[in-house]
N, C-alpha and C. Protein backbone atom coordinates (compact mmCIF):
# COMPACT_ATOMS: atom_id res chain seq x y z
N MET A 1 73.84 95.44 94.20
CA MET A 1 75.26 95.19 94.11
C MET A 1 75.59 93.79 94.64
N PHE A 2 76.29 93.77 95.78
CA PHE A 2 76.69 92.50 96.36
C PHE A 2 75.70 91.98 97.40
N PHE A 3 74.62 92.69 97.64
CA PHE A 3 73.71 92.31 98.70
C PHE A 3 72.60 91.42 98.16
N ILE A 4 72.37 90.31 98.87
CA ILE A 4 71.36 89.37 98.40
C ILE A 4 70.09 89.41 99.21
N GLY A 5 70.13 89.95 100.40
CA GLY A 5 68.91 89.96 101.18
C GLY A 5 69.10 90.61 102.53
N LEU A 6 68.04 90.50 103.33
CA LEU A 6 68.03 91.08 104.65
C LEU A 6 67.83 89.97 105.67
N LYS A 7 68.35 90.17 106.85
CA LYS A 7 68.18 89.21 107.93
C LYS A 7 67.75 89.97 109.17
N GLU A 8 66.75 89.44 109.84
CA GLU A 8 66.29 90.07 111.08
C GLU A 8 66.97 89.40 112.26
N VAL A 9 67.47 90.21 113.16
CA VAL A 9 68.13 89.72 114.37
C VAL A 9 67.38 90.27 115.56
N ASN A 10 67.02 89.40 116.48
CA ASN A 10 66.32 89.82 117.69
C ASN A 10 67.29 89.76 118.87
N PHE A 11 67.31 90.79 119.69
CA PHE A 11 68.11 90.77 120.91
C PHE A 11 67.44 91.64 121.95
N LEU A 12 67.88 91.49 123.18
CA LEU A 12 67.29 92.26 124.29
C LEU A 12 68.19 93.42 124.63
N ASN A 13 67.59 94.59 124.86
CA ASN A 13 68.39 95.74 125.28
C ASN A 13 68.46 95.80 126.80
N ASP A 14 68.99 96.87 127.36
CA ASP A 14 69.17 96.99 128.81
C ASP A 14 67.86 96.93 129.58
N SER A 15 66.79 97.41 129.02
CA SER A 15 65.50 97.40 129.72
C SER A 15 64.73 96.11 129.44
N MET A 16 65.40 95.10 128.87
CA MET A 16 64.85 93.77 128.62
C MET A 16 63.70 93.78 127.62
N ARG A 17 63.68 94.77 126.74
CA ARG A 17 62.70 94.78 125.67
C ARG A 17 63.34 94.20 124.41
N GLU A 18 62.58 93.48 123.65
CA GLU A 18 63.09 92.87 122.44
C GLU A 18 63.16 93.91 121.33
N ILE A 19 64.30 93.91 120.63
CA ILE A 19 64.51 94.86 119.54
C ILE A 19 64.78 94.05 118.28
N LYS A 20 64.14 94.43 117.19
CA LYS A 20 64.40 93.79 115.91
C LYS A 20 65.33 94.68 115.11
N LEU A 21 66.39 94.08 114.60
CA LEU A 21 67.37 94.81 113.81
C LEU A 21 67.49 94.12 112.46
N THR A 22 67.41 94.87 111.42
CA THR A 22 67.53 94.31 110.07
C THR A 22 68.93 94.58 109.56
N ILE A 23 69.61 93.52 109.15
CA ILE A 23 71.00 93.60 108.71
C ILE A 23 71.09 93.11 107.27
N ARG A 24 71.85 93.80 106.45
CA ARG A 24 72.12 93.34 105.09
C ARG A 24 73.25 92.32 105.14
N ILE A 25 73.08 91.21 104.45
CA ILE A 25 74.10 90.17 104.41
C ILE A 25 74.77 90.23 103.04
N PRO A 26 76.09 90.48 103.00
CA PRO A 26 76.77 90.53 101.69
C PRO A 26 76.88 89.13 101.10
N GLU A 27 76.86 89.09 99.82
CA GLU A 27 77.03 87.82 99.13
C GLU A 27 78.54 87.51 99.10
N LEU A 28 78.97 86.73 100.05
CA LEU A 28 80.39 86.48 100.25
C LEU A 28 81.03 85.78 99.05
N LEU A 29 80.28 84.96 98.36
CA LEU A 29 80.86 84.26 97.22
C LEU A 29 81.24 85.23 96.11
N GLU A 30 80.42 86.26 95.87
CA GLU A 30 80.74 87.24 94.84
C GLU A 30 81.96 88.08 95.23
N ILE A 31 82.04 88.47 96.49
CA ILE A 31 83.19 89.26 96.95
C ILE A 31 84.45 88.42 96.87
N LYS A 32 84.37 87.17 97.29
CA LYS A 32 85.52 86.27 97.24
C LYS A 32 85.97 86.06 95.79
N LYS A 33 85.02 85.91 94.88
CA LYS A 33 85.34 85.71 93.47
C LYS A 33 86.03 86.95 92.89
N PHE A 34 85.55 88.14 93.25
CA PHE A 34 86.14 89.39 92.77
C PHE A 34 87.59 89.52 93.27
N ILE A 35 87.80 89.26 94.55
CA ILE A 35 89.15 89.37 95.12
C ILE A 35 90.08 88.36 94.47
N LYS A 36 89.61 87.15 94.26
CA LYS A 36 90.43 86.11 93.63
C LYS A 36 90.85 86.53 92.22
N LEU A 37 89.93 87.09 91.44
CA LEU A 37 90.25 87.53 90.09
C LEU A 37 91.27 88.67 90.10
N GLN A 38 91.14 89.58 91.05
CA GLN A 38 92.11 90.68 91.14
C GLN A 38 93.51 90.18 91.50
N VAL A 39 93.58 89.25 92.43
CA VAL A 39 94.88 88.69 92.84
C VAL A 39 95.52 87.94 91.67
N ILE A 40 94.73 87.17 90.94
CA ILE A 40 95.26 86.44 89.78
C ILE A 40 95.78 87.42 88.73
N LYS A 41 95.05 88.52 88.51
CA LYS A 41 95.47 89.54 87.55
C LYS A 41 96.80 90.18 87.96
N ILE A 42 96.94 90.47 89.25
CA ILE A 42 98.17 91.08 89.75
C ILE A 42 99.35 90.14 89.57
N PHE A 43 99.18 88.86 89.92
CA PHE A 43 100.28 87.91 89.79
C PHE A 43 100.64 87.65 88.33
N LYS A 44 99.65 87.67 87.45
CA LYS A 44 99.92 87.47 86.04
C LYS A 44 100.76 88.61 85.48
N ARG A 45 100.39 89.85 85.83
CA ARG A 45 101.15 91.00 85.35
C ARG A 45 102.56 91.01 85.94
N THR A 46 102.67 90.64 87.21
CA THR A 46 103.98 90.59 87.86
C THR A 46 104.89 89.61 87.14
N LYS A 47 104.37 88.44 86.86
CA LYS A 47 105.16 87.41 86.17
C LYS A 47 105.59 87.88 84.78
N GLU A 48 104.67 88.49 84.04
CA GLU A 48 104.99 88.99 82.70
C GLU A 48 106.07 90.07 82.75
N ASP A 49 105.96 90.99 83.70
CA ASP A 49 106.94 92.07 83.81
C ASP A 49 108.33 91.52 84.14
N ILE A 50 108.39 90.60 85.07
CA ILE A 50 109.69 90.06 85.48
C ILE A 50 110.34 89.27 84.34
N ILE A 51 109.54 88.54 83.58
CA ILE A 51 110.09 87.76 82.47
C ILE A 51 110.45 88.65 81.29
N ASN A 52 109.61 89.61 80.94
CA ASN A 52 109.82 90.42 79.74
C ASN A 52 110.86 91.52 79.93
N LYS A 53 111.01 92.03 81.11
CA LYS A 53 111.95 93.13 81.36
C LYS A 53 113.15 92.61 82.13
N LYS A 54 113.99 91.87 81.41
CA LYS A 54 115.12 91.18 82.05
C LYS A 54 116.17 92.15 82.60
N VAL A 55 116.35 93.28 81.96
CA VAL A 55 117.35 94.24 82.43
C VAL A 55 116.96 94.76 83.81
N TYR A 56 115.70 95.10 83.97
CA TYR A 56 115.23 95.56 85.28
C TYR A 56 115.34 94.46 86.32
N THR A 57 115.03 93.24 85.92
CA THR A 57 115.08 92.12 86.86
C THR A 57 116.50 91.90 87.36
N VAL A 58 117.46 91.90 86.45
CA VAL A 58 118.87 91.73 86.86
C VAL A 58 119.31 92.89 87.73
N LEU A 59 118.93 94.10 87.35
CA LEU A 59 119.29 95.28 88.14
C LEU A 59 118.71 95.21 89.55
N LEU A 60 117.48 94.77 89.66
CA LEU A 60 116.86 94.65 90.98
C LEU A 60 117.49 93.56 91.83
N ILE A 61 117.92 92.48 91.20
CA ILE A 61 118.62 91.43 91.95
C ILE A 61 119.94 91.96 92.48
N VAL A 62 120.64 92.73 91.67
CA VAL A 62 121.90 93.32 92.11
C VAL A 62 121.66 94.32 93.24
N ILE A 63 120.63 95.17 93.10
CA ILE A 63 120.31 96.13 94.16
C ILE A 63 119.98 95.41 95.45
N PHE A 64 119.16 94.36 95.36
CA PHE A 64 118.80 93.60 96.56
C PHE A 64 120.04 92.98 97.20
N GLY A 65 120.89 92.38 96.39
CA GLY A 65 122.10 91.75 96.91
C GLY A 65 123.01 92.75 97.62
N LEU A 66 123.21 93.92 97.01
CA LEU A 66 124.07 94.94 97.63
C LEU A 66 123.47 95.46 98.93
N LEU A 67 122.18 95.71 98.93
CA LEU A 67 121.54 96.20 100.16
C LEU A 67 121.56 95.15 101.26
N PHE A 68 121.34 93.90 100.88
CA PHE A 68 121.36 92.83 101.87
C PHE A 68 122.76 92.64 102.43
N TRP A 69 123.76 92.76 101.57
CA TRP A 69 125.15 92.58 102.01
C TRP A 69 125.59 93.75 102.89
N LYS A 70 125.21 94.96 102.52
CA LYS A 70 125.67 96.15 103.24
C LYS A 70 124.82 96.46 104.47
N PHE A 71 123.52 96.26 104.39
CA PHE A 71 122.63 96.63 105.49
C PHE A 71 121.97 95.39 106.06
N ALA A 72 120.66 95.40 106.17
CA ALA A 72 119.94 94.27 106.74
C ALA A 72 118.89 93.78 105.75
N PHE A 73 118.29 92.66 106.07
CA PHE A 73 117.29 92.06 105.20
C PHE A 73 116.07 92.96 105.04
N LYS A 74 115.60 93.57 106.14
CA LYS A 74 114.43 94.45 106.07
C LYS A 74 114.67 95.64 105.14
N VAL A 75 115.83 96.22 105.26
CA VAL A 75 116.18 97.37 104.42
C VAL A 75 116.20 96.94 102.94
N ALA A 76 116.80 95.80 102.68
CA ALA A 76 116.88 95.31 101.30
C ALA A 76 115.50 95.05 100.73
N ILE A 77 114.63 94.43 101.51
CA ILE A 77 113.28 94.13 101.03
C ILE A 77 112.51 95.42 100.74
N LEU A 78 112.53 96.37 101.67
CA LEU A 78 111.76 97.61 101.50
C LEU A 78 112.25 98.42 100.29
N TRP A 79 113.56 98.56 100.14
CA TRP A 79 114.08 99.30 98.99
C TRP A 79 113.81 98.57 97.69
N THR A 80 113.91 97.25 97.71
CA THR A 80 113.62 96.48 96.49
C THR A 80 112.15 96.62 96.10
N ILE A 81 111.25 96.62 97.06
CA ILE A 81 109.83 96.83 96.76
C ILE A 81 109.63 98.19 96.11
N PHE A 82 110.29 99.21 96.65
CA PHE A 82 110.17 100.56 96.06
C PHE A 82 110.66 100.56 94.61
N TRP A 83 111.84 100.00 94.37
CA TRP A 83 112.39 100.01 93.02
C TRP A 83 111.57 99.13 92.07
N LEU A 84 110.99 98.04 92.58
CA LEU A 84 110.10 97.21 91.76
C LEU A 84 108.94 98.03 91.23
N PHE A 85 108.30 98.77 92.12
CA PHE A 85 107.14 99.56 91.70
C PHE A 85 107.55 100.70 90.78
N LEU A 86 108.74 101.24 90.95
CA LEU A 86 109.19 102.33 90.08
C LEU A 86 109.58 101.81 88.69
N PHE A 87 110.40 100.76 88.65
CA PHE A 87 110.88 100.24 87.36
C PHE A 87 109.76 99.62 86.53
N TYR A 88 108.93 98.82 87.14
CA TYR A 88 107.90 98.10 86.40
C TYR A 88 106.61 98.91 86.26
N ASN A 89 106.57 100.08 86.84
CA ASN A 89 105.40 100.97 86.74
C ASN A 89 104.12 100.29 87.22
N TRP A 90 104.22 99.60 88.34
CA TRP A 90 103.05 98.96 88.92
C TRP A 90 102.23 99.99 89.66
N GLU A 91 100.99 99.67 89.91
CA GLU A 91 100.08 100.58 90.61
C GLU A 91 100.57 100.82 92.04
N ASP A 92 100.85 102.06 92.38
CA ASP A 92 101.31 102.35 93.73
C ASP A 92 100.16 102.34 94.74
N ARG A 93 98.94 102.22 94.23
CA ARG A 93 97.81 102.08 95.15
C ARG A 93 97.90 100.80 95.95
N VAL A 94 98.61 99.81 95.40
CA VAL A 94 98.80 98.56 96.14
C VAL A 94 99.58 98.83 97.43
N LEU A 95 100.61 99.65 97.33
CA LEU A 95 101.39 100.00 98.52
C LEU A 95 100.54 100.79 99.51
N ALA A 96 99.71 101.67 99.00
CA ALA A 96 98.82 102.43 99.89
C ALA A 96 97.82 101.49 100.57
N GLY A 97 97.34 100.51 99.84
CA GLY A 97 96.43 99.52 100.42
C GLY A 97 97.10 98.71 101.50
N ILE A 98 98.35 98.31 101.27
CA ILE A 98 99.10 97.59 102.29
C ILE A 98 99.26 98.46 103.53
N ALA A 99 99.57 99.73 103.33
CA ALA A 99 99.73 100.65 104.46
C ALA A 99 98.43 100.76 105.25
N LEU A 100 97.32 100.86 104.56
CA LEU A 100 96.03 100.95 105.26
C LEU A 100 95.70 99.69 106.04
N VAL A 101 96.00 98.54 105.45
CA VAL A 101 95.76 97.27 106.17
C VAL A 101 96.63 97.21 107.42
N LEU A 102 97.87 97.64 107.29
CA LEU A 102 98.76 97.65 108.46
C LEU A 102 98.27 98.62 109.53
N LEU A 103 97.77 99.78 109.09
CA LEU A 103 97.24 100.73 110.06
C LEU A 103 95.99 100.21 110.77
N VAL A 104 95.18 99.45 110.07
CA VAL A 104 94.01 98.84 110.71
C VAL A 104 94.45 97.80 111.72
N GLY A 105 95.56 97.14 111.45
CA GLY A 105 96.06 96.12 112.37
C GLY A 105 96.64 96.69 113.66
N CYS A 106 97.09 97.92 113.64
CA CYS A 106 97.71 98.52 114.84
C CYS A 106 96.78 98.55 116.04
N PRO A 107 95.57 99.08 115.93
CA PRO A 107 94.70 99.09 117.11
C PRO A 107 94.33 97.68 117.59
N ILE A 108 94.25 96.76 116.65
CA ILE A 108 93.93 95.39 117.04
C ILE A 108 95.02 94.83 117.94
N PHE A 109 96.26 95.04 117.56
CA PHE A 109 97.37 94.55 118.39
C PHE A 109 97.47 95.33 119.70
N LEU A 110 97.15 96.62 119.66
CA LEU A 110 97.17 97.39 120.92
C LEU A 110 96.09 96.90 121.88
N ILE A 111 94.92 96.59 121.36
CA ILE A 111 93.83 96.10 122.21
C ILE A 111 94.19 94.76 122.83
N THR A 112 94.87 93.91 122.06
CA THR A 112 95.24 92.60 122.58
C THR A 112 96.48 92.64 123.46
N GLY A 113 97.07 93.81 123.65
CA GLY A 113 98.20 93.95 124.56
C GLY A 113 99.55 93.70 123.94
N ARG A 114 99.63 93.67 122.65
CA ARG A 114 100.90 93.44 121.95
C ARG A 114 101.44 94.76 121.42
N LYS A 115 101.91 95.57 122.33
CA LYS A 115 102.33 96.93 122.00
C LYS A 115 103.54 96.95 121.06
N VAL A 116 104.51 96.07 121.27
CA VAL A 116 105.73 96.06 120.46
C VAL A 116 105.40 95.73 119.00
N ILE A 117 104.53 94.74 118.81
CA ILE A 117 104.13 94.37 117.44
C ILE A 117 103.36 95.52 116.79
N ALA A 118 102.50 96.17 117.55
CA ALA A 118 101.73 97.30 117.02
C ALA A 118 102.65 98.43 116.59
N GLU A 119 103.69 98.68 117.37
CA GLU A 119 104.64 99.74 117.00
C GLU A 119 105.39 99.38 115.72
N GLN A 120 105.81 98.13 115.59
CA GLN A 120 106.51 97.71 114.37
C GLN A 120 105.60 97.81 113.15
N ILE A 121 104.35 97.41 113.32
CA ILE A 121 103.39 97.49 112.21
C ILE A 121 103.17 98.95 111.82
N ALA A 122 103.10 99.84 112.79
CA ALA A 122 102.93 101.27 112.49
C ALA A 122 104.13 101.81 111.73
N ILE A 123 105.32 101.35 112.08
CA ILE A 123 106.54 101.79 111.38
C ILE A 123 106.51 101.32 109.93
N TYR A 124 106.13 100.06 109.71
CA TYR A 124 106.05 99.55 108.34
C TYR A 124 104.96 100.26 107.55
N ALA A 125 103.86 100.58 108.20
CA ALA A 125 102.80 101.34 107.52
C ALA A 125 103.34 102.69 107.07
N TYR A 126 104.12 103.33 107.92
CA TYR A 126 104.73 104.61 107.56
C TYR A 126 105.65 104.45 106.35
N TYR A 127 106.47 103.39 106.34
CA TYR A 127 107.36 103.14 105.20
C TYR A 127 106.56 103.00 103.90
N PHE A 128 105.46 102.25 103.95
CA PHE A 128 104.67 102.05 102.75
C PHE A 128 103.98 103.33 102.30
N ILE A 129 103.58 104.17 103.25
CA ILE A 129 102.99 105.46 102.89
C ILE A 129 104.05 106.35 102.23
N VAL A 130 105.25 106.36 102.76
CA VAL A 130 106.33 107.14 102.17
C VAL A 130 106.65 106.64 100.76
N MET A 131 106.67 105.32 100.58
CA MET A 131 106.92 104.77 99.24
C MET A 131 105.83 105.21 98.26
N THR A 132 104.59 105.18 98.72
CA THR A 132 103.48 105.59 97.86
C THR A 132 103.61 107.04 97.44
N VAL A 133 103.91 107.89 98.39
CA VAL A 133 104.06 109.32 98.08
C VAL A 133 105.25 109.56 97.16
N ALA A 134 106.37 108.88 97.41
CA ALA A 134 107.55 109.04 96.55
C ALA A 134 107.26 108.57 95.13
N LEU A 135 106.53 107.49 94.99
CA LEU A 135 106.17 107.01 93.65
C LEU A 135 105.22 107.98 92.94
N GLN A 136 104.31 108.57 93.69
CA GLN A 136 103.42 109.57 93.10
C GLN A 136 104.20 110.79 92.63
N ILE A 137 105.16 111.24 93.43
CA ILE A 137 106.00 112.38 93.04
C ILE A 137 106.81 112.03 91.79
N ALA A 138 107.35 110.80 91.75
CA ALA A 138 108.12 110.37 90.58
C ALA A 138 107.25 110.36 89.33
N LYS A 139 106.01 109.93 89.47
CA LYS A 139 105.11 109.93 88.31
C LYS A 139 104.76 111.35 87.88
N LEU A 140 104.56 112.24 88.84
CA LEU A 140 104.25 113.63 88.49
C LEU A 140 105.41 114.31 87.79
N CYS A 141 106.62 113.99 88.18
CA CYS A 141 107.81 114.58 87.57
C CYS A 141 108.20 113.88 86.26
N GLY A 142 107.56 112.76 85.96
CA GLY A 142 107.90 112.02 84.76
C GLY A 142 109.12 111.15 84.91
N LEU A 143 109.58 110.94 86.11
CA LEU A 143 110.78 110.14 86.35
C LEU A 143 110.57 108.69 85.94
N ASP A 144 109.38 108.16 86.12
CA ASP A 144 109.13 106.77 85.75
C ASP A 144 109.27 106.56 84.24
N ARG A 145 108.88 107.54 83.43
CA ARG A 145 109.04 107.42 81.98
C ARG A 145 110.50 107.55 81.57
N ARG A 146 111.24 108.43 82.21
CA ARG A 146 112.65 108.60 81.86
C ARG A 146 113.46 107.37 82.19
N ILE A 147 113.16 106.71 83.28
CA ILE A 147 113.87 105.50 83.64
C ILE A 147 113.62 104.41 82.59
N ARG A 148 112.40 104.27 82.13
CA ARG A 148 112.08 103.25 81.15
C ARG A 148 112.74 103.54 79.80
N LEU A 149 112.95 104.80 79.45
CA LEU A 149 113.55 105.12 78.17
C LEU A 149 115.05 104.87 78.14
N HIS A 150 115.74 105.03 79.25
CA HIS A 150 117.19 104.93 79.26
C HIS A 150 117.71 103.52 79.45
N ILE A 151 116.88 102.61 79.90
CA ILE A 151 117.39 101.24 80.13
C ILE A 151 116.71 100.32 79.16
């Protein structure tokens, strides 16, 4: 797959004996190339959806404006992200991936002593998990298809 070879690492254990450890080294260039292609694909589809589906785009701008005017910026952004994924039928796995990345970041911030940031990140991770589940329920109920047919 992505592995190009093995590397031997020598280190001393507690009893001062030398231990040889064999580690697989991933081919970072291939992984980087794969991630770059996926990001380019996501941005290309996003651009096409926003340009081709003008009714949804205008509706989302209005929703964002109303939420920003009535509530706060964070609320407007989170709800707009949810409606973006519902209207444009984007992969909700992206939101689940964001949630997982945020959850991985929580212990890192806790270890470094930044408890407040870790709590905020955990809250945002929860929001993204809820969005993912709500989008899955909408897809199971067929709500995403009905929205596309009526507008």
